[in-house]
């Protein structure tokens, strides 16, 4: 077996993984979205990380099988997705245009770390995003090229319905949305809420007056654990002003007297959700 043949098979396997993985990821995003709406849950159950891992393994196995089968039989999928210069150029142009639009409309907020969901340097993010989009948009580009080249051919007419359905499913808008939601769900699977972080103080701020500092993480109020922003909101909605309010952070405890504003008790805090690596061993 010569080197060119080995390389072609590897490339076919990778393309198979990308295409199958993209389709399965979009389906998974739809299922998880429905699950959260119906179940009205804010976090993902621990067991779902096992399901997520098995789905990833499924993507790899089926993708390699489909890629090698297409390469061996030279079927219609081989014709559509076989790498060519035109397909690569279309995918690259789409990737660059989308990144430019992201920068114009959203600025640096367009680029966040997959692991922390926090902004990262544009110098690192822009080329990585272009490469990611180039790979993700390749199936769409290949389908567009196939339709343009074979629109009057019997090959296209036989597979017209399937090709058009795939073109709709694999369009860049769905890919970007599905990818973003996939990252959010993966982040939710591998991480869990573990408190709320102080990022700034409002005026007036009894919390700041008590000595609390920016970057401290609130983990408990009185004897009630506070894992999320919703937990904090629920506690403050039911706050009894006759009680002494003691807020516990990871490093200190503070006695605070909230003030009443528009019927709600306020602490004068600007907060964000803190996420920690999920422990799967209970």
C-alpha atoms as a PDB file:
ATOM      1  CA  UNK A   1       0.000   0.000   0.000  1.00  0.00           C
ATOM      2  CA  UNK A   2       1.636   3.274  -1.130  1.00  0.00           C
ATOM      3  CA  UNK A   3       1.795   6.448   0.903  1.00  0.00           C
ATOM      4  CA  UNK A   4      -0.707   8.301  -1.287  1.00  0.00           C
ATOM      5  CA  UNK A   5      -3.296   5.567  -0.798  1.00  0.00           C
ATOM      6  CA  UNK A   6      -2.817   5.604   2.987  1.00  0.00           C
ATOM      7  CA  UNK A   7      -3.125   9.401   3.071  1.00  0.00           C
ATOM      8  CA  UNK A   8      -6.322   9.268   0.977  1.00  0.00           C
ATOM      9  CA  UNK A   9      -7.881   6.734   3.352  1.00  0.00           C
ATOM     10  CA  UNK A  10      -6.937   8.812   6.394  1.00  0.00           C
ATOM     11  CA  UNK A  11      -8.408  11.921   4.764  1.00  0.00           C
ATOM     12  CA  UNK A  12     -11.592  10.020   3.863  1.00  0.00           C
ATOM     13  CA  UNK A  13     -11.904   8.838   7.491  1.00  0.00           C
ATOM     14  CA  UNK A  14     -11.435  12.369   8.829  1.00  0.00           C
ATOM     15  CA  UNK A  15     -14.053  13.760   6.440  1.00  0.00           C
ATOM     16  CA  UNK A  16     -16.428  10.983   7.494  1.00  0.00           C
ATOM     17  CA  UNK A  17     -15.931  11.869  11.171  1.00  0.00           C
ATOM     18  CA  UNK A  18     -16.503  15.590  10.451  1.00  0.00           C
ATOM     19  CA  UNK A  19     -19.702  15.022   8.470  1.00  0.00           C
ATOM     20  CA  UNK A  20     -21.232  12.388  10.767  1.00  0.00           C
ATOM     21  CA  UNK A  21     -20.105  14.308  13.848  1.00  0.00           C
ATOM     22  CA  UNK A  22     -21.685  17.529  12.581  1.00  0.00           C
ATOM     23  CA  UNK A  23     -25.010  15.850  11.853  1.00  0.00           C
ATOM     24  CA  UNK A  24     -25.076  14.022  15.198  1.00  0.00           C
ATOM     25  CA  UNK A  25     -24.049  17.175  17.115  1.00  0.00           C
ATOM     26  CA  UNK A  26     -26.897  19.178  15.558  1.00  0.00           C
ATOM     27  CA  UNK A  27     -29.339  16.404  16.440  1.00  0.00           C
ATOM     28  CA  UNK A  28     -27.963  16.230  19.990  1.00  0.00           C
ATOM     29  CA  UNK A  29     -28.327  19.992  20.434  1.00  0.00           C
ATOM     30  CA  UNK A  30     -31.990  19.773  19.390  1.00  0.00           C
ATOM     31  CA  UNK A  31     -32.638  16.868  21.789  1.00  0.00           C
ATOM     32  CA  UNK A  32     -30.885  18.568  24.731  1.00  0.00           C
ATOM     33  CA  UNK A  33     -32.682  21.852  24.066  1.00  0.00           C
ATOM     34  CA  UNK A  34     -36.052  20.071  24.120  1.00  0.00           C
ATOM     35  CA  UNK A  35     -34.948  18.204  27.273  1.00  0.00           C
ATOM     36  CA  UNK A  36     -34.170  21.447  29.115  1.00  0.00           C
ATOM     37  CA  UNK A  37     -37.429  23.070  28.023  1.00  0.00           C
ATOM     38  CA  UNK A  38     -39.611  20.078  28.923  1.00  0.00           C
ATOM     39  CA  UNK A  39     -37.765  19.059  32.106  1.00  0.00           C
ATOM     40  CA  UNK A  40     -37.204  22.707  33.122  1.00  0.00           C
ATOM     41  CA  UNK A  41     -33.725  21.869  34.360  1.00  0.00           C
ATOM     42  CA  UNK A  42     -30.892  24.367  34.676  1.00  0.00           C
ATOM     43  CA  UNK A  43     -28.017  21.882  34.731  1.00  0.00           C
ATOM     44  CA  UNK A  44     -27.134  18.583  33.129  1.00  0.00           C
ATOM     45  CA  UNK A  45     -27.307  15.355  35.116  1.00  0.00           C
ATOM     46  CA  UNK A  46     -24.010  13.643  35.914  1.00  0.00           C
ATOM     47  CA  UNK A  47     -24.821  10.536  33.866  1.00  0.00           C
ATOM     48  CA  UNK A  48     -25.092  12.553  30.650  1.00  0.00           C
ATOM     49  CA  UNK A  49     -21.320  12.879  30.411  1.00  0.00           C
ATOM     50  CA  UNK A  50     -21.206   9.101  29.797  1.00  0.00           C
ATOM     51  CA  UNK A  51     -23.831   9.443  27.050  1.00  0.00           C
ATOM     52  CA  UNK A  52     -21.894  12.363  25.562  1.00  0.00           C
ATOM     53  CA  UNK A  53     -18.685  10.306  25.533  1.00  0.00           C
ATOM     54  CA  UNK A  54     -20.420   7.316  23.904  1.00  0.00           C
ATOM     55  CA  UNK A  55     -21.879   9.592  21.229  1.00  0.00           C
ATOM     56  CA  UNK A  56     -18.389  10.930  20.538  1.00  0.00           C
ATOM     57  CA  UNK A  57     -17.095   7.372  20.152  1.00  0.00           C
ATOM     58  CA  UNK A  58     -20.047   6.578  17.866  1.00  0.00           C
ATOM     59  CA  UNK A  59     -19.157   9.585  15.695  1.00  0.00           C
ATOM     60  CA  UNK A  60     -15.594   8.366  15.266  1.00  0.00           C
ATOM     61  CA  UNK A  61     -16.460   4.737  14.480  1.00  0.00           C
ATOM     62  CA  UNK A  62     -19.319   5.499  12.054  1.00  0.00           C
ATOM     63  CA  UNK A  63     -17.394   8.379  10.487  1.00  0.00           C
ATOM     64  CA  UNK A  64     -14.354   6.219   9.758  1.00  0.00           C
ATOM     65  CA  UNK A  65     -16.566   3.419   8.389  1.00  0.00           C
ATOM     66  CA  UNK A  66     -18.547   5.732   6.099  1.00  0.00           C
ATOM     67  CA  UNK A  67     -15.430   7.562   4.946  1.00  0.00           C
ATOM     68  CA  UNK A  68     -13.546   4.374   4.049  1.00  0.00           C
ATOM     69  CA  UNK A  69     -16.624   2.853   2.396  1.00  0.00           C
ATOM     70  CA  UNK A  70     -17.098   5.938   0.213  1.00  0.00           C
ATOM     71  CA  UNK A  71     -13.423   5.920  -0.737  1.00  0.00           C
ATOM     72  CA  UNK A  72     -13.488   2.216  -1.598  1.00  0.00           C
ATOM     73  CA  UNK A  73     -16.732   2.189  -3.624  1.00  0.00           C
ATOM     74  CA  UNK A  74     -16.277   5.675  -5.130  1.00  0.00           C
ATOM     75  CA  UNK A  75     -19.997   6.288  -4.543  1.00  0.00           C
ATOM     76  CA  UNK A  76     -21.881   9.582  -4.759  1.00  0.00           C
ATOM     77  CA  UNK A  77     -20.633  10.699  -1.332  1.00  0.00           C
ATOM     78  CA  UNK A  78     -17.075  10.278  -2.525  1.00  0.00           C
ATOM     79  CA  UNK A  79     -17.903  12.463  -5.520  1.00  0.00           C
ATOM     80  CA  UNK A  80     -19.491  15.118  -3.321  1.00  0.00           C
ATOM     81  CA  UNK A  81     -16.973  15.323  -0.499  1.00  0.00           C
ATOM     82  CA  UNK A  82     -13.709  14.367  -2.193  1.00  0.00           C
ATOM     83  CA  UNK A  83     -11.283  17.238  -1.460  1.00  0.00           C
ATOM     84  CA  UNK A  84     -10.718  19.647  -4.348  1.00  0.00           C
ATOM     85  CA  UNK A  85      -9.344  23.153  -4.664  1.00  0.00           C
ATOM     86  CA  UNK A  86     -12.759  24.693  -5.450  1.00  0.00           C
ATOM     87  CA  UNK A  87     -14.397  23.206  -2.355  1.00  0.00           C
ATOM     88  CA  UNK A  88     -11.531  24.343  -0.139  1.00  0.00           C
ATOM     89  CA  UNK A  89     -11.654  27.895  -1.548  1.00  0.00           C
ATOM     90  CA  UNK A  90     -15.433  28.163  -0.983  1.00  0.00           C
ATOM     91  CA  UNK A  91     -15.063  26.945   2.603  1.00  0.00           C
ATOM     92  CA  UNK A  92     -12.167  29.328   3.279  1.00  0.00           C
ATOM     93  CA  UNK A  93     -14.071  32.331   1.894  1.00  0.00           C
ATOM     94  CA  UNK A  94     -17.140  31.485   4.001  1.00  0.00           C
ATOM     95  CA  UNK A  95     -14.955  31.139   7.103  1.00  0.00           C
ATOM     96  CA  UNK A  96     -13.171  34.470   6.624  1.00  0.00           C
ATOM     97  CA  UNK A  97     -16.408  36.341   5.837  1.00  0.00           C
ATOM     98  CA  UNK A  98     -18.137  34.967   8.939  1.00  0.00           C
ATOM     99  CA  UNK A  99     -15.188  35.855  11.184  1.00  0.00           C
ATOM    100  CA  UNK A 100     -15.120  39.413   9.764  1.00  0.00           C
ATOM    101  CA  UNK A 101     -18.872  39.770  10.349  1.00  0.00           C
ATOM    102  CA  UNK A 102     -18.435  38.499  13.910  1.00  0.00           C
ATOM    103  CA  UNK A 103     -15.746  41.104  14.560  1.00  0.00           C
ATOM    104  CA  UNK A 104     -17.848  43.904  13.033  1.00  0.00           C
ATOM    105  CA  UNK A 105     -21.044  43.120  14.940  1.00  0.00           C
ATOM    106  CA  UNK A 106     -19.766  41.610  18.202  1.00  0.00           C
ATOM    107  CA  UNK A 107     -16.108  42.631  18.524  1.00  0.00           C
ATOM    108  CA  UNK A 108     -13.919  40.678  20.942  1.00  0.00           C
ATOM    109  CA  UNK A 109     -17.005  39.163  22.582  1.00  0.00           C
ATOM    110  CA  UNK A 110     -17.273  36.837  19.565  1.00  0.00           C
ATOM    111  CA  UNK A 111     -14.343  34.740  20.741  1.00  0.00           C
ATOM    112  CA  UNK A 112     -14.453  32.808  23.982  1.00  0.00           C
ATOM    113  CA  UNK A 113     -12.575  29.814  25.318  1.00  0.00           C
ATOM    114  CA  UNK A 114     -14.338  26.480  24.818  1.00  0.00           C
ATOM    115  CA  UNK A 115     -13.265  25.445  28.320  1.00  0.00           C
ATOM    116  CA  UNK A 116     -13.924  28.587  30.382  1.00  0.00           C
ATOM    117  CA  UNK A 117     -16.444  30.449  28.159  1.00  0.00           C
ATOM    118  CA  UNK A 118     -14.424  33.612  28.824  1.00  0.00           C
ATOM    119  CA  UNK A 119     -13.006  36.010  26.182  1.00  0.00           C
ATOM    120  CA  UNK A 120      -9.583  35.102  24.754  1.00  0.00           C
ATOM    121  CA  UNK A 121      -6.996  37.045  22.766  1.00  0.00           C
ATOM    122  CA  UNK A 122      -8.060  37.821  19.197  1.00  0.00           C
ATOM    123  CA  UNK A 123      -4.522  37.085  18.004  1.00  0.00           C
ATOM    124  CA  UNK A 124      -5.043  33.465  19.052  1.00  0.00           C
ATOM    125  CA  UNK A 125      -8.792  33.261  18.477  1.00  0.00           C
ATOM    126  CA  UNK A 126      -9.074  34.581  14.902  1.00  0.00           C
ATOM    127  CA  UNK A 127      -6.797  32.050  13.145  1.00  0.00           C
ATOM    128  CA  UNK A 128      -8.156  29.177  15.260  1.00  0.00           C
ATOM    129  CA  UNK A 129     -11.726  30.212  14.457  1.00  0.00           C
ATOM    130  CA  UNK A 130     -10.990  30.446  10.730  1.00  0.00           C
ATOM    131  CA  UNK A 131      -9.461  26.958  10.786  1.00  0.00           C
ATOM    132  CA  UNK A 132     -12.423  25.568  12.769  1.00  0.00           C
ATOM    133  CA  UNK A 133     -14.949  27.177  10.433  1.00  0.00           C
ATOM    134  CA  UNK A 134     -13.006  25.996   7.390  1.00  0.00           C
ATOM    135  CA  UNK A 135     -13.321  22.400   8.582  1.00  0.00           C
ATOM    136  CA  UNK A 136     -16.950  22.771   9.730  1.00  0.00           C
ATOM    137  CA  UNK A 137     -18.091  24.528   6.515  1.00  0.00           C
ATOM    138  CA  UNK A 138     -16.361  22.100   4.158  1.00  0.00           C
ATOM    139  CA  UNK A 139     -19.395  19.735   3.833  1.00  0.00           C
ATOM    140  CA  UNK A 140     -21.635  22.691   2.921  1.00  0.00           C
ATOM    141  CA  UNK A 141     -19.075  23.974   0.428  1.00  0.00           C
ATOM    142  CA  UNK A 142     -18.747  20.511  -1.111  1.00  0.00           C
ATOM    143  CA  UNK A 143     -22.527  20.225  -1.481  1.00  0.00           C
ATOM    144  CA  UNK A 144     -22.746  23.658  -3.118  1.00  0.00           C
ATOM    145  CA  UNK A 145     -19.958  22.753  -5.521  1.00  0.00           C
ATOM    146  CA  UNK A 146     -21.662  19.426  -6.345  1.00  0.00           C
ATOM    147  CA  UNK A 147     -25.017  21.080  -7.096  1.00  0.00           C
ATOM    148  CA  UNK A 148     -23.367  23.715  -9.314  1.00  0.00           C
ATOM    149  CA  UNK A 149     -21.272  21.177 -11.202  1.00  0.00           C
ATOM    150  CA  UNK A 150     -23.812  18.343 -11.544  1.00  0.00           C
ATOM    151  CA  UNK A 151     -27.163  20.199 -11.518  1.00  0.00           C
ATOM    152  CA  UNK A 152     -28.040  18.835 -14.983  1.00  0.00           C
ATOM    153  CA  UNK A 153     -26.493  15.413 -14.446  1.00  0.00           C
ATOM    154  CA  UNK A 154     -28.368  12.202 -13.632  1.00  0.00           C
ATOM    155  CA  UNK A 155     -26.133  11.791 -10.576  1.00  0.00           C
ATOM    156  CA  UNK A 156     -27.672  14.895  -8.968  1.00  0.00           C
ATOM    157  CA  UNK A 157     -31.238  14.064 -10.016  1.00  0.00           C
ATOM    158  CA  UNK A 158     -31.029  10.646  -8.334  1.00  0.00           C
ATOM    159  CA  UNK A 159     -29.909  12.137  -5.019  1.00  0.00           C
ATOM    160  CA  UNK A 160     -31.537  15.571  -5.286  1.00  0.00           C
ATOM    161  CA  UNK A 161     -33.763  15.339  -2.194  1.00  0.00           C
ATOM    162  CA  UNK A 162     -31.047  14.005   0.132  1.00  0.00           C
ATOM    163  CA  UNK A 163     -28.460  16.508  -1.127  1.00  0.00           C
ATOM    164  CA  UNK A 164     -30.805  19.482  -0.629  1.00  0.00           C
ATOM    165  CA  UNK A 165     -31.769  18.294   2.869  1.00  0.00           C
ATOM    166  CA  UNK A 166     -28.093  17.983   3.780  1.00  0.00           C
ATOM    167  CA  UNK A 167     -27.420  21.417   2.280  1.00  0.00           C
ATOM    168  CA  UNK A 168     -30.081  22.937   4.540  1.00  0.00           C
ATOM    169  CA  UNK A 169     -28.934  21.071   7.660  1.00  0.00           C
ATOM    170  CA  UNK A 170     -25.229  21.761   7.107  1.00  0.00           C
ATOM    171  CA  UNK A 171     -25.553  25.460   6.275  1.00  0.00           C
ATOM    172  CA  UNK A 172     -23.138  27.777   8.143  1.00  0.00           C
ATOM    173  CA  UNK A 173     -25.854  29.352  10.324  1.00  0.00           C
ATOM    174  CA  UNK A 174     -26.966  25.996  11.699  1.00  0.00           C
ATOM    175  CA  UNK A 175     -23.343  24.894  12.071  1.00  0.00           C
ATOM    176  CA  UNK A 176     -22.335  27.980  14.079  1.00  0.00           C
ATOM    177  CA  UNK A 177     -25.478  27.881  16.232  1.00  0.00           C
ATOM    178  CA  UNK A 178     -25.205  24.127  16.774  1.00  0.00           C
ATOM    179  CA  UNK A 179     -21.508  24.438  17.575  1.00  0.00           C
ATOM    180  CA  UNK A 180     -22.097  27.233  20.076  1.00  0.00           C
ATOM    181  CA  UNK A 181     -24.904  25.328  21.792  1.00  0.00           C
ATOM    182  CA  UNK A 182     -22.795  22.171  21.747  1.00  0.00           C
ATOM    183  CA  UNK A 183     -19.997  24.017  23.559  1.00  0.00           C
ATOM    184  CA  UNK A 184     -22.470  25.328  26.136  1.00  0.00           C
ATOM    185  CA  UNK A 185     -23.895  21.865  26.768  1.00  0.00           C
ATOM    186  CA  UNK A 186     -20.436  20.303  26.935  1.00  0.00           C
ATOM    187  CA  UNK A 187     -19.421  23.026  29.384  1.00  0.00           C
ATOM    188  CA  UNK A 188     -22.500  22.177  31.449  1.00  0.00           C
ATOM    189  CA  UNK A 189     -21.666  18.471  31.382  1.00  0.00           C
ATOM    190  CA  UNK A 190     -18.058  18.871  32.464  1.00  0.00           C
ATOM    191  CA  UNK A 191     -18.655  21.738  34.918  1.00  0.00           C
ATOM    192  CA  UNK A 192     -21.182  22.615  37.589  1.00  0.00           C
ATOM    193  CA  UNK A 193     -22.260  25.817  39.426  1.00  0.00           C
ATOM    194  CA  UNK A 194     -20.205  26.365  42.564  1.00  0.00           C
ATOM    195  CA  UNK A 195     -21.048  29.849  43.768  1.00  0.00           C
ATOM    196  CA  UNK A 196     -21.429  33.394  42.462  1.00  0.00           C
ATOM    197  CA  UNK A 197     -18.497  35.705  41.862  1.00  0.00           C
ATOM    198  CA  UNK A 198     -18.415  39.413  42.654  1.00  0.00           C
ATOM    199  CA  UNK A 199     -17.282  41.373  39.577  1.00  0.00           C
ATOM    200  CA  UNK A 200     -18.263  44.903  40.681  1.00  0.00           C
ATOM    201  CA  UNK A 201     -20.264  46.931  43.196  1.00  0.00           C
ATOM    202  CA  UNK A 202     -23.320  49.063  42.540  1.00  0.00           C
ATOM    203  CA  UNK A 203     -24.265  52.247  44.374  1.00  0.00           C
ATOM    204  CA  UNK A 204     -25.250  52.153  47.141  1.00  0.00           C
ATOM    205  CA  UNK A 205     -23.539  48.925  48.192  1.00  0.00           C
ATOM    206  CA  UNK A 206     -23.946  47.603  51.731  1.00  0.00           C
ATOM    207  CA  UNK A 207     -21.863  44.618  50.582  1.00  0.00           C
ATOM    208  CA  UNK A 208     -18.900  46.857  49.757  1.00  0.00           C
ATOM    209  CA  UNK A 209     -19.397  48.800  52.998  1.00  0.00           C
ATOM    210  CA  UNK A 210     -19.105  45.511  54.908  1.00  0.00           C
ATOM    211  CA  UNK A 211     -15.643  44.927  53.435  1.00  0.00           C
ATOM    212  CA  UNK A 212     -16.410  42.490  50.612  1.00  0.00           C
ATOM    213  CA  UNK A 213     -13.952  42.530  47.707  1.00  0.00           C
ATOM    214  CA  UNK A 214     -14.207  42.066  43.950  1.00  0.00           C
ATOM    215  CA  UNK A 215     -13.402  38.463  42.858  1.00  0.00           C
ATOM    216  CA  UNK A 216     -14.652  36.942  46.110  1.00  0.00           C
ATOM    217  CA  UNK A 217     -16.993  33.982  45.545  1.00  0.00           C
ATOM    218  CA  UNK A 218     -20.208  33.765  47.556  1.00  0.00           C
ATOM    219  CA  UNK A 219     -20.929  30.170  48.584  1.00  0.00           C
ATOM    220  CA  UNK A 220     -23.448  30.525  51.408  1.00  0.00           C
ATOM    221  CA  UNK A 221     -25.919  32.956  52.988  1.00  0.00           C
ATOM    222  CA  UNK A 222     -26.566  32.216  56.645  1.00  0.00           C
ATOM    223  CA  UNK A 223     -26.919  28.397  56.582  1.00  0.00           C
ATOM    224  CA  UNK A 224     -28.130  28.147  52.983  1.00  0.00           C
ATOM    225  CA  UNK A 225     -25.707  27.055  50.257  1.00  0.00           C
ATOM    226  CA  UNK A 226     -25.616  29.371  47.243  1.00  0.00           C
ATOM    227  CA  UNK A 227     -24.456  27.590  44.091  1.00  0.00           C
ATOM    228  CA  UNK A 228     -26.024  29.737  41.400  1.00  0.00           C
ATOM    229  CA  UNK A 229     -27.387  33.173  40.628  1.00  0.00           C
ATOM    230  CA  UNK A 230     -30.902  31.731  40.815  1.00  0.00           C
ATOM    231  CA  UNK A 231     -30.222  30.396  44.319  1.00  0.00           C
ATOM    232  CA  UNK A 232     -29.144  33.883  45.407  1.00  0.00           C
ATOM    233  CA  UNK A 233     -32.168  35.516  43.792  1.00  0.00           C
ATOM    234  CA  UNK A 234     -34.564  33.026  45.413  1.00  0.00           C
ATOM    235  CA  UNK A 235     -32.998  33.619  48.828  1.00  0.00           C
ATOM    236  CA  UNK A 236     -33.190  37.396  48.534  1.00  0.00           C
ATOM    237  CA  UNK A 237     -36.797  37.225  47.267  1.00  0.00           C
ATOM    238  CA  UNK A 238     -37.719  35.448  50.494  1.00  0.00           C
ATOM    239  CA  UNK A 239     -35.477  37.537  52.740  1.00  0.00           C
ATOM    240  CA  UNK A 240     -36.878  38.401  56.175  1.00  0.00           C
ATOM    241  CA  UNK A 241     -35.549  41.852  57.235  1.00  0.00           C
ATOM    242  CA  UNK A 242     -35.777  40.831  60.900  1.00  0.00           C
ATOM    243  CA  UNK A 243     -32.970  38.304  60.278  1.00  0.00           C
ATOM    244  CA  UNK A 244     -29.272  39.018  60.469  1.00  0.00           C
ATOM    245  CA  UNK A 245     -27.868  38.444  56.968  1.00  0.00           C
ATOM    246  CA  UNK A 246     -24.449  36.785  56.973  1.00  0.00           C
ATOM    247  CA  UNK A 247     -22.821  36.179  53.607  1.00  0.00           C
ATOM    248  CA  UNK A 248     -20.048  33.594  53.452  1.00  0.00           C
ATOM    249  CA  UNK A 249     -17.453  33.682  50.706  1.00  0.00           C
ATOM    250  CA  UNK A 250     -14.671  31.169  50.165  1.00  0.00           C
ATOM    251  CA  UNK A 251     -12.379  33.265  52.362  1.00  0.00           C
ATOM    252  CA  UNK A 252     -14.494  35.402  54.727  1.00  0.00           C
ATOM    253  CA  UNK A 253     -17.903  36.035  56.299  1.00  0.00           C
ATOM    254  CA  UNK A 254     -19.723  39.391  56.279  1.00  0.00           C
ATOM    255  CA  UNK A 255     -22.754  40.749  58.126  1.00  0.00           C
ATOM    256  CA  UNK A 256     -24.820  42.879  55.755  1.00  0.00           C
ATOM    257  CA  UNK A 257     -27.998  44.908  56.017  1.00  0.00           C
ATOM    258  CA  UNK A 258     -29.686  44.972  52.567  1.00  0.00           C
ATOM    259  CA  UNK A 259     -31.616  48.051  51.439  1.00  0.00           C
ATOM    260  CA  UNK A 260     -35.131  48.052  50.001  1.00  0.00           C
ATOM    261  CA  UNK A 261     -35.596  49.210  46.409  1.00  0.00           C
ATOM    262  CA  UNK A 262     -38.797  48.838  44.379  1.00  0.00           C
ATOM    263  CA  UNK A 263     -40.054  46.161  46.753  1.00  0.00           C
ATOM    264  CA  UNK A 264     -36.863  44.071  46.620  1.00  0.00           C
ATOM    265  CA  UNK A 265     -33.954  43.797  49.042  1.00  0.00           C
ATOM    266  CA  UNK A 266     -30.637  44.660  47.369  1.00  0.00           C
ATOM    267  CA  UNK A 267     -27.006  43.992  48.267  1.00  0.00           C
ATOM    268  CA  UNK A 268     -25.385  46.366  45.784  1.00  0.00           C
ATOM    269  CA  UNK A 269     -23.533  43.571  43.975  1.00  0.00           C
ATOM    270  CA  UNK A 270     -22.784  42.871  40.326  1.00  0.00           C
ATOM    271  CA  UNK A 271     -22.343  39.105  40.066  1.00  0.00           C
ATOM    272  CA  UNK A 272     -21.491  36.360  37.609  1.00  0.00           C
ATOM    273  CA  UNK A 273     -21.896  32.589  37.756  1.00  0.00           C
ATOM    274  CA  UNK A 274     -18.838  30.673  38.951  1.00  0.00           C
ATOM    275  CA  UNK A 275     -18.318  27.212  37.412  1.00  0.00           C
ATOM    276  CA  UNK A 276     -16.100  24.430  38.758  1.00  0.00           C
ATOM    277  CA  UNK A 277     -14.953  21.136  37.300  1.00  0.00           C
ATOM    278  CA  UNK A 278     -17.700  18.598  37.896  1.00  0.00           C
ATOM    279  CA  UNK A 279     -16.915  15.721  40.229  1.00  0.00           C
ATOM    280  CA  UNK A 280     -18.366  12.486  38.860  1.00  0.00           C
ATOM    281  CA  UNK A 281     -17.431  10.504  41.950  1.00  0.00           C
ATOM    282  CA  UNK A 282     -20.022  10.933  44.643  1.00  0.00           C
END
